[in-house]
């Protein structure tokens, strides 16, 4: 990977260069040019906040621009990393960039752990759907209790006679995958609860759960996603983020509810 940087001076002249995608290399190269850095901006994206953290630690003022709110032309235009860097510098000098709050390393790590839990929950749902689809297309009777994925239903599936060794091997593979994912969900949930407790969030989580309809999942999602909630100025913005979190945390329940609209209940 490579950083493409553009430096815009007060007289409107620009300098552009590229360097390896290493935060210390970029900052060192800018300082070697002998220019005073008033502000540095980069677009939010898959590279995370490593550059922002390094700049904060070395005393370089930096902002992270929200990628979806950077001004764009209506008509198609040439798009390269070099041009994007120059546009960012111009927009920064004119105050046209909408910034993203930079989390601390600890806040970011906790959020990654919470999002991993969400990924595992989605993977568990997908695995269960695959098992039900496998049973349906092969004409295998669904055991009682599979609707709630009880231990008895899973045991019956693992011991049932499918009439073909190949089907047996396939179903066993599905069941092993589901068991592994369920174990990961449990362990990740336990680890997240322990880390939030170490971070001193027990009181906040307890207060959030006093709100009707808010349980452990929604409260933990709120604490990790909406870090430092005092930064959200205005009740409308705060309420909008809260509604988004509740809908995100309950997405699994909503998707399960939609299943009942299918023609076959086993799906």
C-alpha atoms as a PDB file:
ATOM      1  CA  UNK A   1       0.000   0.000   0.000  1.00  0.00           C
ATOM      2  CA  UNK A   2       1.013   3.587  -0.621  1.00  0.00           C
ATOM      3  CA  UNK A   3       0.065   6.953   0.816  1.00  0.00           C
ATOM      4  CA  UNK A   4      -0.656   9.707  -1.709  1.00  0.00           C
ATOM      5  CA  UNK A   5      -0.366  13.107  -0.025  1.00  0.00           C
ATOM      6  CA  UNK A   6      -1.010  16.668  -1.146  1.00  0.00           C
ATOM      7  CA  UNK A   7       0.207  19.757   0.717  1.00  0.00           C
ATOM      8  CA  UNK A   8      -1.680  22.977   0.061  1.00  0.00           C
ATOM      9  CA  UNK A   9       0.041  26.227   1.023  1.00  0.00           C
ATOM     10  CA  UNK A  10      -1.650  29.494   1.944  1.00  0.00           C
ATOM     11  CA  UNK A  11      -0.933  30.966  -1.491  1.00  0.00           C
ATOM     12  CA  UNK A  12      -2.792  28.095  -3.195  1.00  0.00           C
ATOM     13  CA  UNK A  13       0.283  26.255  -4.467  1.00  0.00           C
ATOM     14  CA  UNK A  14       0.365  22.522  -3.891  1.00  0.00           C
ATOM     15  CA  UNK A  15       3.012  19.856  -3.488  1.00  0.00           C
ATOM     16  CA  UNK A  16       2.274  16.185  -3.963  1.00  0.00           C
ATOM     17  CA  UNK A  17       4.206  13.052  -3.146  1.00  0.00           C
ATOM     18  CA  UNK A  18       3.772   9.382  -2.314  1.00  0.00           C
ATOM     19  CA  UNK A  19       5.396   7.166   0.288  1.00  0.00           C
ATOM     20  CA  UNK A  20       4.966   3.700   1.802  1.00  0.00           C
ATOM     21  CA  UNK A  21       1.792   3.341   3.857  1.00  0.00           C
ATOM     22  CA  UNK A  22       3.517   3.770   7.208  1.00  0.00           C
ATOM     23  CA  UNK A  23       2.380   6.591   9.510  1.00  0.00           C
ATOM     24  CA  UNK A  24       5.868   7.377  10.846  1.00  0.00           C
ATOM     25  CA  UNK A  25       7.268   7.553   7.299  1.00  0.00           C
ATOM     26  CA  UNK A  26       4.564   9.996   6.188  1.00  0.00           C
ATOM     27  CA  UNK A  27       5.002  12.327   9.162  1.00  0.00           C
ATOM     28  CA  UNK A  28       8.793  12.239   8.869  1.00  0.00           C
ATOM     29  CA  UNK A  29       8.663  13.076   5.169  1.00  0.00           C
ATOM     30  CA  UNK A  30       6.352  16.038   5.735  1.00  0.00           C
ATOM     31  CA  UNK A  31       8.599  17.394   8.483  1.00  0.00           C
ATOM     32  CA  UNK A  32      11.662  16.980   6.273  1.00  0.00           C
ATOM     33  CA  UNK A  33      10.078  19.426   3.826  1.00  0.00           C
ATOM     34  CA  UNK A  34      10.322  22.133   6.454  1.00  0.00           C
ATOM     35  CA  UNK A  35       6.656  23.143   6.255  1.00  0.00           C
ATOM     36  CA  UNK A  36       4.467  23.999   9.211  1.00  0.00           C
ATOM     37  CA  UNK A  37       1.530  21.606   9.431  1.00  0.00           C
ATOM     38  CA  UNK A  38      -1.639  23.505  10.306  1.00  0.00           C
ATOM     39  CA  UNK A  39      -3.868  20.474   9.858  1.00  0.00           C
ATOM     40  CA  UNK A  40      -3.742  17.067   8.229  1.00  0.00           C
ATOM     41  CA  UNK A  41      -6.770  15.169   6.932  1.00  0.00           C
ATOM     42  CA  UNK A  42      -7.357  11.715   5.568  1.00  0.00           C
ATOM     43  CA  UNK A  43     -10.460   9.917   4.378  1.00  0.00           C
ATOM     44  CA  UNK A  44     -12.016   7.275   6.606  1.00  0.00           C
ATOM     45  CA  UNK A  45     -11.760   3.789   5.189  1.00  0.00           C
ATOM     46  CA  UNK A  46     -10.403   0.265   5.626  1.00  0.00           C
ATOM     47  CA  UNK A  47      -7.047   1.446   6.976  1.00  0.00           C
ATOM     48  CA  UNK A  48      -8.646   2.345  10.304  1.00  0.00           C
ATOM     49  CA  UNK A  49      -7.208   4.975  12.623  1.00  0.00           C
ATOM     50  CA  UNK A  50      -3.539   3.999  12.814  1.00  0.00           C
ATOM     51  CA  UNK A  51      -2.402   7.177  11.025  1.00  0.00           C
ATOM     52  CA  UNK A  52      -4.630   9.352  13.217  1.00  0.00           C
ATOM     53  CA  UNK A  53      -3.329   7.730  16.405  1.00  0.00           C
ATOM     54  CA  UNK A  54       0.287   8.175  15.332  1.00  0.00           C
ATOM     55  CA  UNK A  55      -0.295  11.839  14.513  1.00  0.00           C
ATOM     56  CA  UNK A  56      -1.979  12.441  17.870  1.00  0.00           C
ATOM     57  CA  UNK A  57       0.894  10.759  19.689  1.00  0.00           C
ATOM     58  CA  UNK A  58       3.470  12.877  17.826  1.00  0.00           C
ATOM     59  CA  UNK A  59       1.589  16.152  18.217  1.00  0.00           C
ATOM     60  CA  UNK A  60       0.430  16.536  14.610  1.00  0.00           C
ATOM     61  CA  UNK A  61      -3.117  17.984  14.290  1.00  0.00           C
ATOM     62  CA  UNK A  62      -5.253  15.625  12.232  1.00  0.00           C
ATOM     63  CA  UNK A  63      -8.885  15.027  11.334  1.00  0.00           C
ATOM     64  CA  UNK A  64     -10.567  11.999   9.766  1.00  0.00           C
ATOM     65  CA  UNK A  65     -13.087  12.978   7.088  1.00  0.00           C
ATOM     66  CA  UNK A  66     -16.315  11.005   6.742  1.00  0.00           C
ATOM     67  CA  UNK A  67     -16.050   9.359   3.326  1.00  0.00           C
ATOM     68  CA  UNK A  68     -19.807   9.517   2.652  1.00  0.00           C
ATOM     69  CA  UNK A  69     -19.971  13.274   3.344  1.00  0.00           C
ATOM     70  CA  UNK A  70     -17.073  14.491   1.234  1.00  0.00           C
ATOM     71  CA  UNK A  71     -18.448  16.813  -1.489  1.00  0.00           C
ATOM     72  CA  UNK A  72     -18.731  15.033  -4.832  1.00  0.00           C
ATOM     73  CA  UNK A  73     -19.452  16.316  -8.303  1.00  0.00           C
ATOM     74  CA  UNK A  74     -22.752  15.277  -9.837  1.00  0.00           C
ATOM     75  CA  UNK A  75     -21.170  14.490 -13.199  1.00  0.00           C
ATOM     76  CA  UNK A  76     -18.555  11.732 -13.515  1.00  0.00           C
ATOM     77  CA  UNK A  77     -15.000  12.948 -13.054  1.00  0.00           C
ATOM     78  CA  UNK A  78     -11.516  11.530 -13.109  1.00  0.00           C
ATOM     79  CA  UNK A  79     -10.733   9.737  -9.852  1.00  0.00           C
ATOM     80  CA  UNK A  80      -7.223   8.868  -8.777  1.00  0.00           C
ATOM     81  CA  UNK A  81      -5.470   8.793  -5.416  1.00  0.00           C
ATOM     82  CA  UNK A  82      -3.463  11.856  -6.431  1.00  0.00           C
ATOM     83  CA  UNK A  83      -6.565  13.895  -7.292  1.00  0.00           C
ATOM     84  CA  UNK A  84      -8.387  12.682  -4.180  1.00  0.00           C
ATOM     85  CA  UNK A  85      -5.500  13.893  -2.013  1.00  0.00           C
ATOM     86  CA  UNK A  86      -5.549  17.315  -3.648  1.00  0.00           C
ATOM     87  CA  UNK A  87      -9.327  17.627  -3.221  1.00  0.00           C
ATOM     88  CA  UNK A  88      -9.073  16.690   0.436  1.00  0.00           C
ATOM     89  CA  UNK A  89      -6.475  19.415   0.974  1.00  0.00           C
ATOM     90  CA  UNK A  90      -8.670  21.998  -0.773  1.00  0.00           C
ATOM     91  CA  UNK A  91     -11.801  21.017   1.139  1.00  0.00           C
ATOM     92  CA  UNK A  92      -9.865  21.072   4.419  1.00  0.00           C
ATOM     93  CA  UNK A  93      -8.595  24.587   3.779  1.00  0.00           C
ATOM     94  CA  UNK A  94     -12.173  25.755   3.114  1.00  0.00           C
ATOM     95  CA  UNK A  95     -13.676  23.952   6.120  1.00  0.00           C
ATOM     96  CA  UNK A  96     -15.865  21.708   3.949  1.00  0.00           C
ATOM     97  CA  UNK A  97     -15.031  18.380   5.557  1.00  0.00           C
ATOM     98  CA  UNK A  98     -17.340  16.592   7.995  1.00  0.00           C
ATOM     99  CA  UNK A  99     -15.125  14.951  10.579  1.00  0.00           C
ATOM    100  CA  UNK A 100     -15.360  11.587  12.320  1.00  0.00           C
ATOM    101  CA  UNK A 101     -14.624  11.318  16.029  1.00  0.00           C
ATOM    102  CA  UNK A 102     -11.359   9.464  16.487  1.00  0.00           C
ATOM    103  CA  UNK A 103     -11.704   6.740  19.149  1.00  0.00           C
ATOM    104  CA  UNK A 104      -8.911   5.814  21.483  1.00  0.00           C
ATOM    105  CA  UNK A 105      -7.137   2.522  20.933  1.00  0.00           C
ATOM    106  CA  UNK A 106      -9.087   0.966  23.809  1.00  0.00           C
ATOM    107  CA  UNK A 107     -12.449   2.236  22.526  1.00  0.00           C
ATOM    108  CA  UNK A 108     -11.677   0.953  19.041  1.00  0.00           C
ATOM    109  CA  UNK A 109     -10.576  -2.467  20.314  1.00  0.00           C
ATOM    110  CA  UNK A 110     -13.763  -2.882  22.376  1.00  0.00           C
ATOM    111  CA  UNK A 111     -15.852  -1.965  19.364  1.00  0.00           C
ATOM    112  CA  UNK A 112     -14.027  -4.527  17.243  1.00  0.00           C
ATOM    113  CA  UNK A 113     -14.800  -7.203  19.840  1.00  0.00           C
ATOM    114  CA  UNK A 114     -18.486  -6.249  19.880  1.00  0.00           C
ATOM    115  CA  UNK A 115     -18.682  -6.295  16.092  1.00  0.00           C
ATOM    116  CA  UNK A 116     -17.036  -9.703  16.058  1.00  0.00           C
ATOM    117  CA  UNK A 117     -19.864 -10.936  18.265  1.00  0.00           C
ATOM    118  CA  UNK A 118     -22.382  -9.533  15.774  1.00  0.00           C
ATOM    119  CA  UNK A 119     -20.572 -11.312  12.932  1.00  0.00           C
ATOM    120  CA  UNK A 120     -20.719 -14.598  14.815  1.00  0.00           C
ATOM    121  CA  UNK A 121     -24.441 -14.173  15.517  1.00  0.00           C
ATOM    122  CA  UNK A 122     -25.038 -13.660  11.794  1.00  0.00           C
ATOM    123  CA  UNK A 123     -22.901 -16.709  11.018  1.00  0.00           C
ATOM    124  CA  UNK A 124     -24.932 -18.792  13.481  1.00  0.00           C
ATOM    125  CA  UNK A 125     -28.173 -17.723  11.850  1.00  0.00           C
ATOM    126  CA  UNK A 126     -26.810 -18.561   8.401  1.00  0.00           C
ATOM    127  CA  UNK A 127     -25.631 -21.977   9.590  1.00  0.00           C
ATOM    128  CA  UNK A 128     -29.067 -22.785  10.985  1.00  0.00           C
ATOM    129  CA  UNK A 129     -30.709 -21.709   7.748  1.00  0.00           C
ATOM    130  CA  UNK A 130     -28.372 -23.997   5.802  1.00  0.00           C
ATOM    131  CA  UNK A 131     -29.323 -26.963   7.995  1.00  0.00           C
ATOM    132  CA  UNK A 132     -33.039 -26.301   7.538  1.00  0.00           C
ATOM    133  CA  UNK A 133     -32.589 -25.899   3.795  1.00  0.00           C
ATOM    134  CA  UNK A 134     -30.622 -29.168   3.665  1.00  0.00           C
ATOM    135  CA  UNK A 135     -33.390 -31.033   5.499  1.00  0.00           C
ATOM    136  CA  UNK A 136     -36.067 -29.541   3.280  1.00  0.00           C
ATOM    137  CA  UNK A 137     -34.515 -30.281  -0.118  1.00  0.00           C
ATOM    138  CA  UNK A 138     -33.614 -33.843   0.874  1.00  0.00           C
ATOM    139  CA  UNK A 139     -37.048 -34.659   2.299  1.00  0.00           C
ATOM    140  CA  UNK A 140     -35.750 -35.249   5.810  1.00  0.00           C
ATOM    141  CA  UNK A 141     -38.273 -34.854   8.596  1.00  0.00           C
ATOM    142  CA  UNK A 142     -37.565 -31.973  10.932  1.00  0.00           C
ATOM    143  CA  UNK A 143     -37.230 -33.222  14.539  1.00  0.00           C
ATOM    144  CA  UNK A 144     -39.416 -31.748  17.237  1.00  0.00           C
ATOM    145  CA  UNK A 145     -37.718 -28.865  18.993  1.00  0.00           C
ATOM    146  CA  UNK A 146     -35.592 -27.773  16.049  1.00  0.00           C
ATOM    147  CA  UNK A 147     -37.642 -24.598  15.831  1.00  0.00           C
ATOM    148  CA  UNK A 148     -35.892 -23.472  19.024  1.00  0.00           C
ATOM    149  CA  UNK A 149     -32.676 -25.434  18.334  1.00  0.00           C
ATOM    150  CA  UNK A 150     -32.823 -27.455  21.517  1.00  0.00           C
ATOM    151  CA  UNK A 151     -30.097 -29.925  22.469  1.00  0.00           C
ATOM    152  CA  UNK A 152     -32.545 -32.811  22.070  1.00  0.00           C
ATOM    153  CA  UNK A 153     -33.381 -31.811  18.493  1.00  0.00           C
ATOM    154  CA  UNK A 154     -29.722 -31.512  17.539  1.00  0.00           C
ATOM    155  CA  UNK A 155     -28.958 -34.888  19.137  1.00  0.00           C
ATOM    156  CA  UNK A 156     -31.819 -36.474  17.202  1.00  0.00           C
ATOM    157  CA  UNK A 157     -30.450 -35.005  13.977  1.00  0.00           C
ATOM    158  CA  UNK A 158     -26.984 -36.375  14.683  1.00  0.00           C
ATOM    159  CA  UNK A 159     -28.357 -39.884  15.341  1.00  0.00           C
ATOM    160  CA  UNK A 160     -31.089 -40.085  12.697  1.00  0.00           C
ATOM    161  CA  UNK A 161     -30.841 -42.469   9.741  1.00  0.00           C
ATOM    162  CA  UNK A 162     -30.747 -40.460   6.511  1.00  0.00           C
ATOM    163  CA  UNK A 163     -30.592 -43.445   4.170  1.00  0.00           C
ATOM    164  CA  UNK A 164     -27.317 -42.374   2.580  1.00  0.00           C
ATOM    165  CA  UNK A 165     -23.817 -42.163   4.049  1.00  0.00           C
ATOM    166  CA  UNK A 166     -23.116 -39.092   1.916  1.00  0.00           C
ATOM    167  CA  UNK A 167     -26.082 -37.217   3.360  1.00  0.00           C
ATOM    168  CA  UNK A 168     -24.965 -38.283   6.831  1.00  0.00           C
ATOM    169  CA  UNK A 169     -21.476 -36.883   6.272  1.00  0.00           C
ATOM    170  CA  UNK A 170     -22.886 -33.619   4.911  1.00  0.00           C
ATOM    171  CA  UNK A 171     -25.262 -33.110   7.828  1.00  0.00           C
ATOM    172  CA  UNK A 172     -22.553 -33.967  10.342  1.00  0.00           C
ATOM    173  CA  UNK A 173     -20.382 -31.268   8.788  1.00  0.00           C
ATOM    174  CA  UNK A 174     -23.199 -28.724   9.136  1.00  0.00           C
ATOM    175  CA  UNK A 175     -23.735 -29.704  12.772  1.00  0.00           C
ATOM    176  CA  UNK A 176     -20.035 -29.449  13.626  1.00  0.00           C
ATOM    177  CA  UNK A 177     -19.909 -26.012  12.060  1.00  0.00           C
ATOM    178  CA  UNK A 178     -22.958 -24.877  14.047  1.00  0.00           C
ATOM    179  CA  UNK A 179     -21.517 -26.229  17.287  1.00  0.00           C
ATOM    180  CA  UNK A 180     -18.256 -24.372  16.714  1.00  0.00           C
ATOM    181  CA  UNK A 181     -20.025 -21.086  15.932  1.00  0.00           C
ATOM    182  CA  UNK A 182     -22.292 -21.378  18.982  1.00  0.00           C
ATOM    183  CA  UNK A 183     -19.244 -21.953  21.182  1.00  0.00           C
ATOM    184  CA  UNK A 184     -17.540 -18.898  19.682  1.00  0.00           C
ATOM    185  CA  UNK A 185     -20.637 -16.761  20.295  1.00  0.00           C
ATOM    186  CA  UNK A 186     -20.687 -17.811  23.963  1.00  0.00           C
ATOM    187  CA  UNK A 187     -16.974 -17.228  24.481  1.00  0.00           C
ATOM    188  CA  UNK A 188     -16.988 -13.866  22.678  1.00  0.00           C
ATOM    189  CA  UNK A 189     -20.010 -12.679  24.672  1.00  0.00           C
ATOM    190  CA  UNK A 190     -18.306 -13.697  27.909  1.00  0.00           C
ATOM    191  CA  UNK A 191     -15.060 -11.979  26.905  1.00  0.00           C
ATOM    192  CA  UNK A 192     -16.892  -8.776  25.938  1.00  0.00           C
ATOM    193  CA  UNK A 193     -18.727  -8.689  29.277  1.00  0.00           C
ATOM    194  CA  UNK A 194     -15.461  -9.174  31.170  1.00  0.00           C
ATOM    195  CA  UNK A 195     -13.625  -6.461  29.224  1.00  0.00           C
ATOM    196  CA  UNK A 196     -16.454  -3.953  29.670  1.00  0.00           C
ATOM    197  CA  UNK A 197     -16.389  -4.697  33.382  1.00  0.00           C
ATOM    198  CA  UNK A 198     -12.626  -4.095  33.500  1.00  0.00           C
ATOM    199  CA  UNK A 199     -13.172  -0.806  31.657  1.00  0.00           C
ATOM    200  CA  UNK A 200     -15.524   0.332  34.423  1.00  0.00           C
ATOM    201  CA  UNK A 201     -18.707   0.233  32.342  1.00  0.00           C
ATOM    202  CA  UNK A 202     -20.817  -1.841  34.750  1.00  0.00           C
ATOM    203  CA  UNK A 203     -22.643   1.175  36.163  1.00  0.00           C
ATOM    204  CA  UNK A 204     -23.481   2.552  32.731  1.00  0.00           C
ATOM    205  CA  UNK A 205     -24.679  -0.834  31.491  1.00  0.00           C
ATOM    206  CA  UNK A 206     -26.877  -1.238  34.565  1.00  0.00           C
ATOM    207  CA  UNK A 207     -28.450   2.185  34.047  1.00  0.00           C
ATOM    208  CA  UNK A 208     -29.135   1.494  30.382  1.00  0.00           C
ATOM    209  CA  UNK A 209     -30.903  -1.772  31.215  1.00  0.00           C
ATOM    210  CA  UNK A 210     -33.405   0.128  33.353  1.00  0.00           C
ATOM    211  CA  UNK A 211     -34.902   1.447  30.107  1.00  0.00           C
ATOM    212  CA  UNK A 212     -37.837  -0.749  28.971  1.00  0.00           C
ATOM    213  CA  UNK A 213     -36.838  -3.016  26.084  1.00  0.00           C
ATOM    214  CA  UNK A 214     -33.088  -2.607  26.614  1.00  0.00           C
ATOM    215  CA  UNK A 215     -31.212  -5.757  27.533  1.00  0.00           C
ATOM    216  CA  UNK A 216     -27.595  -6.820  27.751  1.00  0.00           C
ATOM    217  CA  UNK A 217     -27.020  -6.898  23.972  1.00  0.00           C
ATOM    218  CA  UNK A 218     -28.453  -3.437  23.248  1.00  0.00           C
ATOM    219  CA  UNK A 219     -26.685  -1.864  26.234  1.00  0.00           C
ATOM    220  CA  UNK A 220     -23.314  -3.360  25.307  1.00  0.00           C
ATOM    221  CA  UNK A 221     -23.758  -2.311  21.702  1.00  0.00           C
ATOM    222  CA  UNK A 222     -24.558   1.230  22.798  1.00  0.00           C
ATOM    223  CA  UNK A 223     -21.545   1.500  25.090  1.00  0.00           C
ATOM    224  CA  UNK A 224     -19.103   0.207  22.473  1.00  0.00           C
ATOM    225  CA  UNK A 225     -20.520   1.911  19.376  1.00  0.00           C
ATOM    226  CA  UNK A 226     -21.459   5.245  20.977  1.00  0.00           C
ATOM    227  CA  UNK A 227     -18.269   5.853  22.914  1.00  0.00           C
ATOM    228  CA  UNK A 228     -18.174   9.158  24.812  1.00  0.00           C
ATOM    229  CA  UNK A 229     -21.896   9.898  24.256  1.00  0.00           C
ATOM    230  CA  UNK A 230     -21.446  13.411  25.660  1.00  0.00           C
ATOM    231  CA  UNK A 231     -19.922  14.375  22.296  1.00  0.00           C
ATOM    232  CA  UNK A 232     -23.348  13.992  20.652  1.00  0.00           C
ATOM    233  CA  UNK A 233     -24.704  17.518  20.909  1.00  0.00           C
ATOM    234  CA  UNK A 234     -28.446  17.796  20.452  1.00  0.00           C
ATOM    235  CA  UNK A 235     -31.256  15.455  21.424  1.00  0.00           C
ATOM    236  CA  UNK A 236     -32.205  14.695  17.802  1.00  0.00           C
ATOM    237  CA  UNK A 237     -28.772  13.350  16.892  1.00  0.00           C
ATOM    238  CA  UNK A 238     -28.568  11.369  20.131  1.00  0.00           C
ATOM    239  CA  UNK A 239     -32.023   9.858  19.565  1.00  0.00           C
ATOM    240  CA  UNK A 240     -31.186   8.975  15.960  1.00  0.00           C
ATOM    241  CA  UNK A 241     -28.068   7.065  17.014  1.00  0.00           C
ATOM    242  CA  UNK A 242     -30.009   5.303  19.774  1.00  0.00           C
ATOM    243  CA  UNK A 243     -32.735   4.175  17.332  1.00  0.00           C
ATOM    244  CA  UNK A 244     -30.079   2.907  14.932  1.00  0.00           C
ATOM    245  CA  UNK A 245     -28.404   0.878  17.666  1.00  0.00           C
ATOM    246  CA  UNK A 246     -31.651  -0.709  18.833  1.00  0.00           C
ATOM    247  CA  UNK A 247     -32.573  -1.679  15.269  1.00  0.00           C
ATOM    248  CA  UNK A 248     -29.070  -3.091  14.700  1.00  0.00           C
ATOM    249  CA  UNK A 249     -29.046  -5.097  17.906  1.00  0.00           C
ATOM    250  CA  UNK A 250     -32.516  -6.501  17.182  1.00  0.00           C
ATOM    251  CA  UNK A 251     -31.821  -7.295  13.520  1.00  0.00           C
ATOM    252  CA  UNK A 252     -31.575 -10.997  14.319  1.00  0.00           C
ATOM    253  CA  UNK A 253     -35.065 -10.991  15.842  1.00  0.00           C
ATOM    254  CA  UNK A 254     -36.502  -9.063  12.893  1.00  0.00           C
ATOM    255  CA  UNK A 255     -35.002 -11.494  10.401  1.00  0.00           C
ATOM    256  CA  UNK A 256     -36.426 -14.467  12.301  1.00  0.00           C
ATOM    257  CA  UNK A 257     -39.837 -12.846  12.233  1.00  0.00           C
ATOM    258  CA  UNK A 258     -39.656 -12.521   8.458  1.00  0.00           C
ATOM    259  CA  UNK A 259     -39.146 -16.256   8.124  1.00  0.00           C
ATOM    260  CA  UNK A 260     -42.807 -16.829   8.968  1.00  0.00           C
ATOM    261  CA  UNK A 261     -43.842 -15.182   5.710  1.00  0.00           C
ATOM    262  CA  UNK A 262     -42.315 -18.089   3.778  1.00  0.00           C
ATOM    263  CA  UNK A 263     -44.675 -20.706   2.405  1.00  0.00           C
ATOM    264  CA  UNK A 264     -42.967 -23.592   4.164  1.00  0.00           C
ATOM    265  CA  UNK A 265     -42.549 -23.275   7.902  1.00  0.00           C
ATOM    266  CA  UNK A 266     -39.415 -25.439   7.858  1.00  0.00           C
ATOM    267  CA  UNK A 267     -37.569 -22.745   5.885  1.00  0.00           C
END
